[in-house]
Each structure stands twice: as structure tokens, then as C-alpha cells.
Amino acid sequence: GQRNRWQGIVVYGCIRDADDIEEIELGVRALDTHPLKSIKKG
């Protein structure tokens, strides 16, 4: 998202890698964190 010039992401759900995301020049808001990645079914 940062590389493609997005200003930010608002997630009505969870993110992970919060400590690493803190170092990325991108605004992020989410309900909380969760270590499990999502499924990918499209």
C-alpha cells in the first residue's frame, strides 16, 4: 500500500505484524490485532 501511494487503510477487523506496520509510512486503523492470516478464496 505504501509503495502504491495509498494514504491509509481502515480495517473493520484485525491486522497483524503491528510492530512492523508501525515502521511503515502508511496510516492504519483497525479494531485490533490477530496473529492468524486470513484465507484466500477471492
PDB file of all heavy atoms in Angstrom:
ATOM      1  N   GLY A   1       0.808  -1.211   0.000  1.00  0.00           N
ATOM      2  CA  GLY A   1       0.000   0.000   0.000  1.00  0.00           C
ATOM      3  C   GLY A   1       0.842   1.261   0.000  1.00  0.00           C
ATOM      4  O   GLY A   1       0.555   2.213  -0.736  1.00  0.00           O
ATOM      5  N   GLN A   2       1.894   1.269   0.795  1.00  0.00           N
ATOM      6  CA  GLN A   2       2.798   2.430   0.829  1.00  0.00           C
ATOM      7  C   GLN A   2       3.465   2.621  -0.528  1.00  0.00           C
ATOM      8  O   GLN A   2       3.519   3.728  -1.055  1.00  0.00           O
ATOM      9  CB  GLN A   2       3.862   2.248   1.907  1.00  0.00           C
ATOM     10  CG  GLN A   2       4.863   3.383   1.933  1.00  0.00           C
ATOM     11  CD  GLN A   2       6.118   3.028   2.694  1.00  0.00           C
ATOM     12  OE1 GLN A   2       6.510   1.870   2.773  1.00  0.00           O
ATOM     13  NE2 GLN A   2       6.758   4.029   3.255  1.00  0.00           N
ATOM     14  N   ARG A   3       3.942   1.541  -1.088  1.00  0.00           N
ATOM     15  CA  ARG A   3       4.633   1.592  -2.377  1.00  0.00           C
ATOM     16  C   ARG A   3       3.721   2.135  -3.480  1.00  0.00           C
ATOM     17  O   ARG A   3       4.180   2.827  -4.389  1.00  0.00           O
ATOM     18  CB  ARG A   3       5.114   0.186  -2.729  1.00  0.00           C
ATOM     19  CG  ARG A   3       6.112   0.138  -3.874  1.00  0.00           C
ATOM     20  CD  ARG A   3       6.638  -1.257  -4.109  1.00  0.00           C
ATOM     21  NE  ARG A   3       7.329  -1.756  -2.936  1.00  0.00           N
ATOM     22  CZ  ARG A   3       7.271  -3.020  -2.492  1.00  0.00           C
ATOM     23  NH1 ARG A   3       6.557  -3.919  -3.129  1.00  0.00           N
ATOM     24  NH2 ARG A   3       7.935  -3.384  -1.420  1.00  0.00           N
ATOM     25  N   ASN A   4       2.442   1.848  -3.396  1.00  0.00           N
ATOM     26  CA  ASN A   4       1.491   2.270  -4.424  1.00  0.00           C
ATOM     27  C   ASN A   4       0.755   3.559  -4.047  1.00  0.00           C
ATOM     28  O   ASN A   4      -0.297   3.851  -4.606  1.00  0.00           O
ATOM     29  CB  ASN A   4       0.520   1.134  -4.742  1.00  0.00           C
ATOM     30  CG  ASN A   4       1.206   0.039  -5.527  1.00  0.00           C
ATOM     31  OD1 ASN A   4       1.942   0.321  -6.473  1.00  0.00           O
ATOM     32  ND2 ASN A   4       0.999  -1.202  -5.142  1.00  0.00           N
ATOM     33  N   ARG A   5       1.309   4.296  -3.110  1.00  0.00           N
ATOM     34  CA  ARG A   5       0.875   5.651  -2.759  1.00  0.00           C
ATOM     35  C   ARG A   5      -0.506   5.739  -2.116  1.00  0.00           C
ATOM     36  O   ARG A   5      -1.196   6.746  -2.257  1.00  0.00           O
ATOM     37  CB  ARG A   5       0.976   6.579  -3.963  1.00  0.00           C
ATOM     38  CG  ARG A   5       2.406   6.733  -4.483  1.00  0.00           C
ATOM     39  CD  ARG A   5       2.531   7.636  -5.680  1.00  0.00           C
ATOM     40  NE  ARG A   5       1.659   7.340  -6.792  1.00  0.00           N
ATOM     41  CZ  ARG A   5       1.851   6.369  -7.685  1.00  0.00           C
ATOM     42  NH1 ARG A   5       2.889   5.585  -7.612  1.00  0.00           N
ATOM     43  NH2 ARG A   5       0.998   6.185  -8.678  1.00  0.00           N
ATOM     44  N   TRP A   6      -0.944   4.686  -1.409  1.00  0.00           N
ATOM     45  CA  TRP A   6      -2.148   4.797  -0.603  1.00  0.00           C
ATOM     46  C   TRP A   6      -1.814   5.642   0.618  1.00  0.00           C
ATOM     47  O   TRP A   6      -0.713   5.549   1.165  1.00  0.00           O
ATOM     48  CB  TRP A   6      -2.637   3.415  -0.173  1.00  0.00           C
ATOM     49  CG  TRP A   6      -3.224   2.624  -1.305  1.00  0.00           C
ATOM     50  CD1 TRP A   6      -2.536   1.835  -2.192  1.00  0.00           C
ATOM     51  CD2 TRP A   6      -4.587   2.581  -1.701  1.00  0.00           C
ATOM     52  NE1 TRP A   6      -3.410   1.301  -3.110  1.00  0.00           N
ATOM     53  CE2 TRP A   6      -4.672   1.739  -2.828  1.00  0.00           C
ATOM     54  CE3 TRP A   6      -5.748   3.163  -1.202  1.00  0.00           C
ATOM     55  CZ2 TRP A   6      -5.882   1.468  -3.462  1.00  0.00           C
ATOM     56  CZ3 TRP A   6      -6.955   2.892  -1.829  1.00  0.00           C
ATOM     57  CH2 TRP A   6      -7.013   2.055  -2.952  1.00  0.00           C
ATOM     58  N   GLN A   7      -2.759   6.469   1.051  1.00  0.00           N
ATOM     59  CA  GLN A   7      -2.562   7.280   2.256  1.00  0.00           C
ATOM     60  C   GLN A   7      -2.785   6.462   3.517  1.00  0.00           C
ATOM     61  O   GLN A   7      -2.135   6.689   4.525  1.00  0.00           O
ATOM     62  CB  GLN A   7      -3.500   8.491   2.256  1.00  0.00           C
ATOM     63  CG  GLN A   7      -3.163   9.501   1.202  1.00  0.00           C
ATOM     64  CD  GLN A   7      -1.788  10.086   1.414  1.00  0.00           C
ATOM     65  OE1 GLN A   7      -1.502  10.646   2.465  1.00  0.00           O
ATOM     66  NE2 GLN A   7      -0.915   9.936   0.434  1.00  0.00           N
ATOM     67  N   GLY A   8      -3.739   5.554   3.449  1.00  0.00           N
ATOM     68  CA  GLY A   8      -4.054   4.784   4.639  1.00  0.00           C
ATOM     69  C   GLY A   8      -5.044   3.672   4.367  1.00  0.00           C
ATOM     70  O   GLY A   8      -5.581   3.536   3.269  1.00  0.00           O
ATOM     71  N   ILE A   9      -5.266   2.895   5.449  1.00  0.00           N
ATOM     72  CA  ILE A   9      -6.181   1.761   5.416  1.00  0.00           C
ATOM     73  C   ILE A   9      -6.982   1.790   6.714  1.00  0.00           C
ATOM     74  O   ILE A   9      -6.402   1.947   7.800  1.00  0.00           O
ATOM     75  CB  ILE A   9      -5.418   0.417   5.338  1.00  0.00           C
ATOM     76  CG1 ILE A   9      -4.432   0.395   4.167  1.00  0.00           C
ATOM     77  CG2 ILE A   9      -6.383  -0.753   5.255  1.00  0.00           C
ATOM     78  CD1 ILE A   9      -3.458  -0.780   4.220  1.00  0.00           C
ATOM     79  N   VAL A  10      -8.288   1.640   6.613  1.00  0.00           N
ATOM     80  CA  VAL A  10      -9.159   1.494   7.774  1.00  0.00           C
ATOM     81  C   VAL A  10      -9.756   0.097   7.691  1.00  0.00           C
ATOM     82  O   VAL A  10     -10.394  -0.245   6.689  1.00  0.00           O
ATOM     83  CB  VAL A  10     -10.269   2.562   7.793  1.00  0.00           C
ATOM     84  CG1 VAL A  10     -11.225   2.318   8.953  1.00  0.00           C
ATOM     85  CG2 VAL A  10      -9.667   3.964   7.863  1.00  0.00           C
ATOM     86  N   VAL A  11      -9.543  -0.710   8.729  1.00  0.00           N
ATOM     87  CA  VAL A  11      -9.979  -2.099   8.715  1.00  0.00           C
ATOM     88  C   VAL A  11     -11.007  -2.338   9.818  1.00  0.00           C
ATOM     89  O   VAL A  11     -10.672  -2.257  11.008  1.00  0.00           O
ATOM     90  CB  VAL A  11      -8.792  -3.068   8.921  1.00  0.00           C
ATOM     91  CG1 VAL A  11      -9.262  -4.521   8.814  1.00  0.00           C
ATOM     92  CG2 VAL A  11      -7.677  -2.791   7.943  1.00  0.00           C
ATOM     93  N   TYR A  12     -12.229  -2.627   9.421  1.00  0.00           N
ATOM     94  CA  TYR A  12     -13.243  -3.054  10.385  1.00  0.00           C
ATOM     95  C   TYR A  12     -13.038  -4.552  10.583  1.00  0.00           C
ATOM     96  O   TYR A  12     -13.739  -5.391  10.033  1.00  0.00           O
ATOM     97  CB  TYR A  12     -14.641  -2.722   9.871  1.00  0.00           C
ATOM     98  CG  TYR A  12     -15.748  -3.049  10.845  1.00  0.00           C
ATOM     99  CD1 TYR A  12     -15.708  -2.600  12.164  1.00  0.00           C
ATOM    100  CD2 TYR A  12     -16.844  -3.796  10.448  1.00  0.00           C
ATOM    101  CE1 TYR A  12     -16.718  -2.895  13.057  1.00  0.00           C
ATOM    102  CE2 TYR A  12     -17.872  -4.098  11.325  1.00  0.00           C
ATOM    103  CZ  TYR A  12     -17.801  -3.649  12.628  1.00  0.00           C
ATOM    104  OH  TYR A  12     -18.817  -3.949  13.515  1.00  0.00           O
ATOM    105  N   GLY A  13     -11.969  -4.845  11.304  1.00  0.00           N
ATOM    106  CA  GLY A  13     -11.480  -6.191  11.534  1.00  0.00           C
ATOM    107  C   GLY A  13     -10.080  -6.055  12.127  1.00  0.00           C
ATOM    108  O   GLY A  13      -9.754  -5.023  12.724  1.00  0.00           O
ATOM    109  N   CYS A  14      -9.246  -7.063  11.943  1.00  0.00           N
ATOM    110  CA  CYS A  14      -7.921  -7.099  12.556  1.00  0.00           C
ATOM    111  C   CYS A  14      -6.788  -7.001  11.541  1.00  0.00           C
ATOM    112  O   CYS A  14      -6.963  -7.297  10.363  1.00  0.00           O
ATOM    113  CB  CYS A  14      -7.752  -8.393  13.347  1.00  0.00           C
ATOM    114  SG  CYS A  14      -8.823  -8.515  14.789  1.00  0.00           S
ATOM    115  N   ILE A  15      -5.627  -6.602  12.060  1.00  0.00           N
ATOM    116  CA  ILE A  15      -4.379  -6.637  11.309  1.00  0.00           C
ATOM    117  C   ILE A  15      -3.404  -7.532  12.077  1.00  0.00           C
ATOM    118  O   ILE A  15      -3.693  -7.953  13.199  1.00  0.00           O
ATOM    119  CB  ILE A  15      -3.769  -5.225  11.131  1.00  0.00           C
ATOM    120  CG1 ILE A  15      -3.320  -4.659  12.484  1.00  0.00           C
ATOM    121  CG2 ILE A  15      -4.742  -4.302  10.429  1.00  0.00           C
ATOM    122  CD1 ILE A  15      -2.318  -3.547  12.379  1.00  0.00           C
ATOM    123  N   ARG A  16      -2.250  -7.796  11.477  1.00  0.00           N
ATOM    124  CA  ARG A  16      -1.175  -8.491  12.179  1.00  0.00           C
ATOM    125  C   ARG A  16       0.134  -7.803  11.830  1.00  0.00           C
ATOM    126  O   ARG A  16       0.161  -6.868  11.040  1.00  0.00           O
ATOM    127  CB  ARG A  16      -1.145  -9.978  11.844  1.00  0.00           C
ATOM    128  CG  ARG A  16      -0.780 -10.297  10.421  1.00  0.00           C
ATOM    129  CD  ARG A  16      -0.956 -11.768  10.172  1.00  0.00           C
ATOM    130  NE  ARG A  16       0.004 -12.272   9.202  1.00  0.00           N
ATOM    131  CZ  ARG A  16       0.333 -13.530   9.080  1.00  0.00           C
ATOM    132  NH1 ARG A  16      -0.183 -14.432   9.867  1.00  0.00           N
ATOM    133  NH2 ARG A  16       1.202 -13.905   8.173  1.00  0.00           N
ATOM    134  N   ASP A  17       1.231  -8.230  12.429  1.00  0.00           N
ATOM    135  CA  ASP A  17       2.546  -7.607  12.227  1.00  0.00           C
ATOM    136  C   ASP A  17       2.516  -6.138  12.662  1.00  0.00           C
ATOM    137  O   ASP A  17       3.109  -5.269  12.021  1.00  0.00           O
ATOM    138  CB  ASP A  17       2.990  -7.703  10.761  1.00  0.00           C
ATOM    139  CG  ASP A  17       3.004  -9.125  10.234  1.00  0.00           C
ATOM    140  OD1 ASP A  17       3.516 -10.010  10.948  1.00  0.00           O
ATOM    141  OD2 ASP A  17       2.503  -9.346   9.118  1.00  0.00           O
ATOM    142  N   ALA A  18       1.819  -5.868  13.745  1.00  0.00           N
ATOM    143  CA  ALA A  18       1.606  -4.483  14.190  1.00  0.00           C
ATOM    144  C   ALA A  18       2.912  -3.737  14.434  1.00  0.00           C
ATOM    145  O   ALA A  18       3.019  -2.558  14.075  1.00  0.00           O
ATOM    146  CB  ALA A  18       0.747  -4.465  15.456  1.00  0.00           C
ATOM    147  N   ASP A  19       3.910  -4.380  15.023  1.00  0.00           N
ATOM    148  CA  ASP A  19       5.182  -3.693  15.289  1.00  0.00           C
ATOM    149  C   ASP A  19       5.878  -3.302  13.996  1.00  0.00           C
ATOM    150  O   ASP A  19       6.437  -2.210  13.885  1.00  0.00           O
ATOM    151  CB  ASP A  19       6.103  -4.572  16.144  1.00  0.00           C
ATOM    152  CG  ASP A  19       5.569  -4.766  17.561  1.00  0.00           C
ATOM    153  OD1 ASP A  19       4.760  -3.927  18.021  1.00  0.00           O
ATOM    154  OD2 ASP A  19       5.958  -5.763  18.197  1.00  0.00           O
ATOM    155  N   ASP A  20       5.832  -4.174  12.995  1.00  0.00           N
ATOM    156  CA  ASP A  20       6.437  -3.855  11.701  1.00  0.00           C
ATOM    157  C   ASP A  20       5.645  -2.767  10.975  1.00  0.00           C
ATOM    158  O   ASP A  20       6.230  -1.872  10.357  1.00  0.00           O
ATOM    159  CB  ASP A  20       6.527  -5.111  10.825  1.00  0.00           C
ATOM    160  CG  ASP A  20       7.481  -6.144  11.405  1.00  0.00           C
ATOM    161  OD1 ASP A  20       8.491  -5.745  12.017  1.00  0.00           O
ATOM    162  OD2 ASP A  20       7.206  -7.347  11.256  1.00  0.00           O
ATOM    163  N   ILE A  21       4.330  -2.830  11.046  1.00  0.00           N
ATOM    164  CA  ILE A  21       3.484  -1.825  10.388  1.00  0.00           C
ATOM    165  C   ILE A  21       3.722  -0.445  10.990  1.00  0.00           C
ATOM    166  O   ILE A  21       3.645   0.563  10.292  1.00  0.00           O
ATOM    167  CB  ILE A  21       2.003  -2.253  10.448  1.00  0.00           C
ATOM    168  CG1 ILE A  21       1.774  -3.435   9.491  1.00  0.00           C
ATOM    169  CG2 ILE A  21       1.072  -1.087  10.098  1.00  0.00           C
ATOM    170  CD1 ILE A  21       0.391  -4.033   9.537  1.00  0.00           C
ATOM    171  N   GLU A  22       4.065  -0.405  12.250  1.00  0.00           N
ATOM    172  CA  GLU A  22       4.348   0.882  12.917  1.00  0.00           C
ATOM    173  C   GLU A  22       5.503   1.618  12.244  1.00  0.00           C
ATOM    174  O   GLU A  22       5.575   2.841  12.291  1.00  0.00           O
ATOM    175  CB  GLU A  22       4.674   0.628  14.399  1.00  0.00           C
ATOM    176  CG  GLU A  22       4.621   1.853  15.256  1.00  0.00           C
ATOM    177  CD  GLU A  22       3.217   2.414  15.412  1.00  0.00           C
ATOM    178  OE1 GLU A  22       2.245   1.644  15.403  1.00  0.00           O
ATOM    179  OE2 GLU A  22       3.096   3.645  15.538  1.00  0.00           O
ATOM    180  N   GLU A  23       6.381   0.896  11.573  1.00  0.00           N
ATOM    181  CA  GLU A  23       7.552   1.488  10.917  1.00  0.00           C
ATOM    182  C   GLU A  23       7.283   1.879   9.454  1.00  0.00           C
ATOM    183  O   GLU A  23       8.154   2.428   8.796  1.00  0.00           O
ATOM    184  CB  GLU A  23       8.727   0.498  10.963  1.00  0.00           C
ATOM    185  CG  GLU A  23       9.125   0.070  12.366  1.00  0.00           C
ATOM    186  CD  GLU A  23       9.545   1.239  13.231  1.00  0.00           C
ATOM    187  OE1 GLU A  23      10.285   2.111  12.735  1.00  0.00           O
ATOM    188  OE2 GLU A  23       9.112   1.279  14.404  1.00  0.00           O
ATOM    189  N   ILE A  24       6.095   1.596   8.956  1.00  0.00           N
ATOM    190  CA  ILE A  24       5.755   1.860   7.553  1.00  0.00           C
ATOM    191  C   ILE A  24       5.015   3.185   7.453  1.00  0.00           C
ATOM    192  O   ILE A  24       4.081   3.435   8.218  1.00  0.00           O
ATOM    193  CB  ILE A  24       4.915   0.694   6.987  1.00  0.00           C
ATOM    194  CG1 ILE A  24       5.723  -0.606   7.059  1.00  0.00           C
ATOM    195  CG2 ILE A  24       4.466   0.987   5.553  1.00  0.00           C
ATOM    196  CD1 ILE A  24       4.913  -1.858   6.808  1.00  0.00           C
ATOM    197  N   GLU A  25       5.414   4.019   6.502  1.00  0.00           N
ATOM    198  CA  GLU A  25       4.792   5.339   6.316  1.00  0.00           C
ATOM    199  C   GLU A  25       3.429   5.173   5.635  1.00  0.00           C
ATOM    200  O   GLU A  25       3.264   5.403   4.437  1.00  0.00           O
ATOM    201  CB  GLU A  25       5.719   6.240   5.498  1.00  0.00           C
ATOM    202  CG  GLU A  25       5.225   7.649   5.316  1.00  0.00           C
ATOM    203  CD  GLU A  25       5.020   8.427   6.608  1.00  0.00           C
ATOM    204  OE1 GLU A  25       5.709   8.159   7.622  1.00  0.00           O
ATOM    205  OE2 GLU A  25       4.154   9.306   6.619  1.00  0.00           O
ATOM    206  N   LEU A  26       2.463   4.735   6.435  1.00  0.00           N
ATOM    207  CA  LEU A  26       1.103   4.495   5.981  1.00  0.00           C
ATOM    208  C   LEU A  26       0.202   4.618   7.196  1.00  0.00           C
ATOM    209  O   LEU A  26       0.549   4.139   8.280  1.00  0.00           O
ATOM    210  CB  LEU A  26       0.990   3.076   5.397  1.00  0.00           C
ATOM    211  CG  LEU A  26      -0.354   2.647   4.848  1.00  0.00           C
ATOM    212  CD1 LEU A  26      -0.639   3.344   3.516  1.00  0.00           C
ATOM    213  CD2 LEU A  26      -0.388   1.135   4.648  1.00  0.00           C
ATOM    214  N   GLY A  27      -0.937   5.267   7.050  1.00  0.00           N
ATOM    215  CA  GLY A  27      -1.892   5.326   8.145  1.00  0.00           C
ATOM    216  C   GLY A  27      -2.696   4.044   8.194  1.00  0.00           C
ATOM    217  O   GLY A  27      -3.168   3.564   7.169  1.00  0.00           O
ATOM    218  N   VAL A  28      -2.842   3.479   9.388  1.00  0.00           N
ATOM    219  CA  VAL A  28      -3.619   2.249   9.548  1.00  0.00           C
ATOM    220  C   VAL A  28      -4.454   2.357  10.818  1.00  0.00           C
ATOM    221  O   VAL A  28      -3.931   2.711  11.875  1.00  0.00           O
ATOM    222  CB  VAL A  28      -2.714   0.993   9.632  1.00  0.00           C
ATOM    223  CG1 VAL A  28      -3.548  -0.269   9.830  1.00  0.00           C
ATOM    224  CG2 VAL A  28      -1.841   0.863   8.387  1.00  0.00           C
ATOM    225  N   ARG A  29      -5.736   2.046  10.675  1.00  0.00           N
ATOM    226  CA  ARG A  29      -6.626   1.918  11.819  1.00  0.00           C
ATOM    227  C   ARG A  29      -7.308   0.576  11.706  1.00  0.00           C
ATOM    228  O   ARG A  29      -7.690   0.145  10.609  1.00  0.00           O
ATOM    229  CB  ARG A  29      -7.694   3.015  11.848  1.00  0.00           C
ATOM    230  CG  ARG A  29      -7.169   4.417  12.028  1.00  0.00           C
ATOM    231  CD  ARG A  29      -6.521   4.621  13.391  1.00  0.00           C
ATOM    232  NE  ARG A  29      -6.196   6.011  13.653  1.00  0.00           N
ATOM    233  CZ  ARG A  29      -5.109   6.641  13.232  1.00  0.00           C
ATOM    234  NH1 ARG A  29      -4.231   6.005  12.489  1.00  0.00           N
ATOM    235  NH2 ARG A  29      -4.889   7.903  13.552  1.00  0.00           N
ATOM    236  N   ALA A  30      -7.453  -0.112  12.837  1.00  0.00           N
ATOM    237  CA  ALA A  30      -8.110  -1.417  12.868  1.00  0.00           C
ATOM    238  C   ALA A  30      -8.714  -1.614  14.247  1.00  0.00           C
ATOM    239  O   ALA A  30      -8.380  -0.889  15.193  1.00  0.00           O
ATOM    240  CB  ALA A  30      -7.112  -2.532  12.557  1.00  0.00           C
ATOM    241  N   LEU A  31      -9.580  -2.608  14.363  1.00  0.00           N
ATOM    242  CA  LEU A  31     -10.185  -2.897  15.655  1.00  0.00           C
ATOM    243  C   LEU A  31      -9.172  -3.464  16.632  1.00  0.00           C
ATOM    244  O   LEU A  31      -9.196  -3.147  17.811  1.00  0.00           O
ATOM    245  CB  LEU A  31     -11.348  -3.882  15.494  1.00  0.00           C
ATOM    246  CG  LEU A  31     -12.540  -3.387  14.675  1.00  0.00           C
ATOM    247  CD1 LEU A  31     -13.583  -4.489  14.555  1.00  0.00           C
ATOM    248  CD2 LEU A  31     -13.132  -2.125  15.274  1.00  0.00           C
ATOM    249  N   ASP A  32      -8.262  -4.324  16.124  1.00  0.00           N
ATOM    250  CA  ASP A  32      -7.268  -4.955  16.994  1.00  0.00           C
ATOM    251  C   ASP A  32      -6.282  -5.739  16.126  1.00  0.00           C
ATOM    252  O   ASP A  32      -6.307  -5.631  14.902  1.00  0.00           O
ATOM    253  CB  ASP A  32      -7.948  -5.885  17.998  1.00  0.00           C
ATOM    254  CG  ASP A  32      -7.260  -5.861  19.361  1.00  0.00           C
ATOM    255  OD1 ASP A  32      -6.011  -5.789  19.405  1.00  0.00           O
ATOM    256  OD2 ASP A  32      -7.963  -5.922  20.376  1.00  0.00           O
ATOM    257  N   THR A  33      -5.467  -6.537  16.792  1.00  0.00           N
ATOM    258  CA  THR A  33      -4.509  -7.387  16.087  1.00  0.00           C
ATOM    259  C   THR A  33      -4.869  -8.852  16.312  1.00  0.00           C
ATOM    260  O   THR A  33      -5.531  -9.200  17.291  1.00  0.00           O
ATOM    261  CB  THR A  33      -3.068  -7.150  16.590  1.00  0.00           C
ATOM    262  OG1 THR A  33      -3.006  -7.459  17.984  1.00  0.00           O
ATOM    263  CG2 THR A  33      -2.652  -5.718  16.352  1.00  0.00           C
ATOM    264  N   HIS A  34      -4.422  -9.689  15.381  1.00  0.00           N
ATOM    265  CA  HIS A  34      -4.616 -11.136  15.480  1.00  0.00           C
ATOM    266  C   HIS A  34      -3.487 -11.780  14.677  1.00  0.00           C
ATOM    267  O   HIS A  34      -3.250 -11.389  13.540  1.00  0.00           O
ATOM    268  CB  HIS A  34      -5.975 -11.524  14.892  1.00  0.00           C
ATOM    269  CG  HIS A  34      -6.430 -12.878  15.313  1.00  0.00           C
ATOM    270  ND1 HIS A  34      -5.797 -14.038  14.931  1.00  0.00           N
ATOM    271  CD2 HIS A  34      -7.457 -13.252  16.096  1.00  0.00           C
ATOM    272  CE1 HIS A  34      -6.415 -15.063  15.454  1.00  0.00           C
ATOM    273  NE2 HIS A  34      -7.437 -14.624  16.171  1.00  0.00           N
ATOM    274  N   PRO A  35      -2.790 -12.777  15.228  1.00  0.00           N
ATOM    275  CA  PRO A  35      -1.647 -13.348  14.512  1.00  0.00           C
ATOM    276  C   PRO A  35      -1.997 -14.260  13.340  1.00  0.00           C
ATOM    277  O   PRO A  35      -1.151 -14.508  12.482  1.00  0.00           O
ATOM    278  CB  PRO A  35      -0.909 -14.137  15.602  1.00  0.00           C
ATOM    279  CG  PRO A  35      -1.956 -14.477  16.606  1.00  0.00           C
ATOM    280  CD  PRO A  35      -2.930 -13.330  16.582  1.00  0.00           C
ATOM    281  N   LEU A  36      -3.227 -14.736  13.248  1.00  0.00           N
ATOM    282  CA  LEU A  36      -3.608 -15.676  12.190  1.00  0.00           C
ATOM    283  C   LEU A  36      -3.924 -14.937  10.897  1.00  0.00           C
ATOM    284  O   LEU A  36      -4.696 -13.981  10.895  1.00  0.00           O
ATOM    285  CB  LEU A  36      -4.838 -16.483  12.627  1.00  0.00           C
ATOM    286  CG  LEU A  36      -5.350 -17.533  11.638  1.00  0.00           C
ATOM    287  CD1 LEU A  36      -4.335 -18.652  11.463  1.00  0.00           C
ATOM    288  CD2 LEU A  36      -6.690 -18.080  12.124  1.00  0.00           C
ATOM    289  N   LYS A  37      -3.328 -15.397   9.779  1.00  0.00           N
ATOM    290  CA  LYS A  37      -3.651 -14.781   8.486  1.00  0.00           C
ATOM    291  C   LYS A  37      -4.996 -15.292   7.993  1.00  0.00           C
ATOM    292  O   LYS A  37      -5.487 -16.337   8.418  1.00  0.00           O
ATOM    293  CB  LYS A  37      -2.554 -15.027   7.470  1.00  0.00           C
ATOM    294  CG  LYS A  37      -2.352 -16.466   7.064  1.00  0.00           C
ATOM    295  CD  LYS A  37      -1.196 -16.566   6.076  1.00  0.00           C
ATOM    296  CE  LYS A  37      -0.876 -18.011   5.759  1.00  0.00           C
ATOM    297  NZ  LYS A  37       0.236 -18.112   4.814  1.00  0.00           N
ATOM    298  N   SER A  38      -5.575 -14.556   7.062  1.00  0.00           N
ATOM    299  CA  SER A  38      -6.892 -14.912   6.532  1.00  0.00           C
ATOM    300  C   SER A  38      -6.770 -15.998   5.468  1.00  0.00           C
ATOM    301  O   SER A  38      -5.684 -16.310   4.986  1.00  0.00           O
ATOM    302  CB  SER A  38      -7.558 -13.678   5.932  1.00  0.00           C
ATOM    303  OG  SER A  38      -7.004 -13.399   4.670  1.00  0.00           O
ATOM    304  N   ILE A  39      -7.930 -16.501   5.065  1.00  0.00           N
ATOM    305  CA  ILE A  39      -7.983 -17.423   3.937  1.00  0.00           C
ATOM    306  C   ILE A  39      -7.888 -16.610   2.643  1.00  0.00           C
ATOM    307  O   ILE A  39      -7.986 -15.385   2.661  1.00  0.00           O
ATOM    308  CB  ILE A  39      -9.282 -18.263   3.956  1.00  0.00           C
ATOM    309  CG1 ILE A  39     -10.504 -17.340   3.886  1.00  0.00           C
ATOM    310  CG2 ILE A  39      -9.323 -19.156   5.181  1.00  0.00           C
ATOM    311  CD1 ILE A  39     -11.817 -18.061   3.693  1.00  0.00           C
ATOM    312  N   LYS A  40      -7.712 -17.288   1.535  1.00  0.00           N
ATOM    313  CA  LYS A  40      -7.607 -16.617   0.240  1.00  0.00           C
ATOM    314  C   LYS A  40      -8.420 -17.389  -0.792  1.00  0.00           C
ATOM    315  O   LYS A  40      -7.919 -18.262  -1.465  1.00  0.00           O
ATOM    316  CB  LYS A  40      -6.142 -16.499  -0.171  1.00  0.00           C
ATOM    317  CG  LYS A  40      -5.413 -15.458   0.662  1.00  0.00           C
ATOM    318  CD  LYS A  40      -3.930 -15.714   0.707  1.00  0.00           C
ATOM    319  CE  LYS A  40      -3.204 -14.725   1.579  1.00  0.00           C
ATOM    320  NZ  LYS A  40      -3.639 -14.671   2.958  1.00  0.00           N
ATOM    321  N   LYS A  41      -9.687 -17.006  -0.875  1.00  0.00           N
ATOM    322  CA  LYS A  41     -10.584 -17.637  -1.845  1.00  0.00           C
ATOM    323  C   LYS A  41     -11.066 -16.641  -2.891  1.00  0.00           C
ATOM    324  O   LYS A  41     -11.813 -17.011  -3.783  1.00  0.00           O
ATOM    325  CB  LYS A  41     -11.791 -18.250  -1.135  1.00  0.00           C
ATOM    326  CG  LYS A  41     -11.445 -19.435  -0.255  1.00  0.00           C
ATOM    327  CD  LYS A  41     -12.693 -20.058   0.314  1.00  0.00           C
ATOM    328  CE  LYS A  41     -12.336 -21.277   1.163  1.00  0.00           C
ATOM    329  NZ  LYS A  41     -13.527 -21.884   1.761  1.00  0.00           N
ATOM    330  N   GLY A  42     -10.670 -15.375  -2.755  1.00  0.00           N
ATOM    331  CA  GLY A  42     -11.080 -14.369  -3.724  1.00  0.00           C
ATOM    332  C   GLY A  42     -12.523 -13.935  -3.584  1.00  0.00           C
ATOM    333  O   GLY A  42     -13.120 -13.443  -4.536  1.00  0.00           O
TER     334      GLY A  42
END
